[in-house]
Amino acid sequence: MTTTALSLDEIYDIANTALLSAGANEENADAVAQTVTRAERDGSHSHGLFRIPGYVASLKSGKVNGQADPKVDQRTAVVVHCDGDLGYAPIAHQRSLDTLAKAAQSQGIA
């Protein structure tokens, strides 16, 4: 077996291109590609490029919404809810993080 070393930029490009080709919009593809790239960077290969065929299959089958537009709702001072719109988690995480951080800070826990 031959091992090929890829740069982080190459990993991102492979993931992003595959997701876009399978029907994800740019924002969703970028969020997942960034997550995959960070996983590879951190040595968590089980959450890196290894996952791309499954992501592509779920987009093509319609199980996942590649055009997801997650909505964030701060329900109480400490409860933040995000409806992921049947998309992948990374885009929902990105959209929720600022609201979650502010909620934690308002309660003195961040």
Protein backbone atom coordinates (compact mmCIF):
# COMPACT_ATOMS: atom_id res chain seq x y z
CA MET A 1 0.00 0.00 0.00
CA THR A 2 1.24 3.46 -0.86
CA THR A 3 0.76 6.35 1.53
CA THR A 4 0.25 9.82 0.09
CA ALA A 5 0.79 12.87 2.25
CA LEU A 6 -1.68 15.69 1.69
CA SER A 7 -1.45 19.26 2.89
CA LEU A 8 -4.30 20.67 4.94
CA ASP A 9 -5.28 22.84 1.97
CA GLU A 10 -5.47 19.73 -0.23
CA ILE A 11 -7.59 17.93 2.36
CA TYR A 12 -9.96 20.89 2.56
CA ASP A 13 -10.19 21.11 -1.25
CA ILE A 14 -10.92 17.39 -1.64
CA ALA A 15 -13.65 17.47 1.01
CA ASN A 16 -15.19 20.74 -0.17
CA THR A 17 -15.21 19.72 -3.84
CA ALA A 18 -16.80 16.35 -3.06
CA LEU A 19 -19.54 17.95 -0.97
CA LEU A 20 -20.28 20.65 -3.54
CA SER A 21 -20.41 18.03 -6.30
CA ALA A 22 -22.89 15.99 -4.24
CA GLY A 23 -25.28 18.92 -3.82
CA ALA A 24 -24.22 20.87 -0.74
CA ASN A 25 -24.23 24.65 -1.02
CA GLU A 26 -21.02 26.58 -0.36
CA GLU A 27 -21.75 27.39 3.30
CA ASN A 28 -22.62 23.81 4.23
CA ALA A 29 -19.74 22.31 2.23
CA ASP A 30 -17.29 24.77 3.81
CA ALA A 31 -18.44 24.00 7.36
CA VAL A 32 -18.05 20.24 6.90
CA ALA A 33 -14.78 20.57 4.97
CA GLN A 34 -13.32 22.72 7.77
CA THR A 35 -14.34 20.11 10.35
CA VAL A 36 -12.86 17.27 8.30
CA THR A 37 -9.63 19.24 7.81
CA ARG A 38 -9.29 19.98 11.54
CA ALA A 39 -9.91 16.31 12.34
CA GLU A 40 -7.11 15.28 9.99
CA ARG A 41 -4.83 17.98 11.42
CA ASP A 42 -5.49 16.70 14.93
CA GLY A 43 -4.92 13.05 14.01
CA SER A 44 -8.57 12.06 14.40
CA HIS A 45 -8.68 10.29 11.06
CA SER A 46 -11.96 8.55 11.87
CA HIS A 47 -13.60 11.98 11.64
CA GLY A 48 -11.56 13.21 8.68
CA LEU A 49 -11.53 12.29 5.00
CA PHE A 50 -12.70 8.81 6.00
CA ARG A 51 -16.17 10.36 6.49
CA ILE A 52 -16.49 12.03 3.09
CA PRO A 53 -17.94 9.02 1.18
CA GLY A 54 -20.70 8.74 3.79
CA TYR A 55 -21.40 12.47 3.67
CA VAL A 56 -21.62 12.33 -0.12
CA ALA A 57 -23.93 9.30 -0.03
CA SER A 58 -26.28 10.95 2.47
CA LEU A 59 -26.45 14.10 0.31
CA LYS A 60 -27.15 12.13 -2.85
CA SER A 61 -29.84 10.03 -1.18
CA GLY A 62 -31.58 13.09 0.26
CA LYS A 63 -31.14 11.97 3.87
CA VAL A 64 -29.30 15.22 4.59
CA ASN A 65 -30.24 18.71 3.44
CA GLY A 66 -27.23 20.14 1.64
CA GLN A 67 -28.93 23.54 1.58
CA ALA A 68 -29.61 23.57 5.33
CA ASP A 69 -30.25 26.96 6.89
CA PRO A 70 -30.05 26.36 10.67
CA LYS A 71 -32.00 28.70 12.95
CA VAL A 72 -30.74 29.65 16.42
CA ASP A 73 -33.19 30.48 19.20
CA GLN A 74 -32.14 31.58 22.68
CA ARG A 75 -35.10 30.32 24.68
CA THR A 76 -33.92 31.39 28.13
CA ALA A 77 -30.81 33.01 29.54
CA VAL A 78 -29.14 29.59 29.58
CA VAL A 79 -30.97 27.54 26.93
CA VAL A 80 -29.91 27.90 23.30
CA HIS A 81 -31.72 25.78 20.72
CA CYS A 82 -30.64 25.32 17.12
CA ASP A 83 -32.87 23.71 14.50
CA GLY A 84 -30.32 22.27 12.09
CA ASP A 85 -32.79 22.09 9.18
CA LEU A 86 -31.84 18.45 8.52
CA GLY A 87 -28.28 19.43 7.65
CA TYR A 88 -24.91 18.43 9.00
CA ALA A 89 -23.92 19.51 12.50
CA PRO A 90 -20.94 21.76 11.65
CA ILE A 91 -23.08 24.51 10.12
CA ALA A 92 -25.45 24.43 13.11
CA HIS A 93 -22.46 24.58 15.47
CA GLN A 94 -21.02 27.58 13.64
CA ARG A 95 -24.32 29.44 13.74
CA SER A 96 -24.90 28.67 17.43
CA LEU A 97 -21.48 29.32 18.92
CA ASP A 98 -21.71 33.10 19.34
CA THR A 99 -25.14 32.93 21.00
CA LEU A 100 -24.01 30.08 23.25
CA ALA A 101 -20.84 31.91 24.29
CA LYS A 102 -22.81 35.07 25.13
CA ALA A 103 -25.33 33.05 27.14
CA ALA A 104 -22.55 31.38 29.13
CA GLN A 105 -20.82 34.70 29.70
CA SER A 106 -24.06 36.32 30.91
CA GLN A 107 -24.27 33.63 33.59
CA GLY A 108 -20.66 33.97 34.68
CA ILE A 109 -19.61 30.55 33.39
CA ALA A 110 -17.37 31.62 30.52
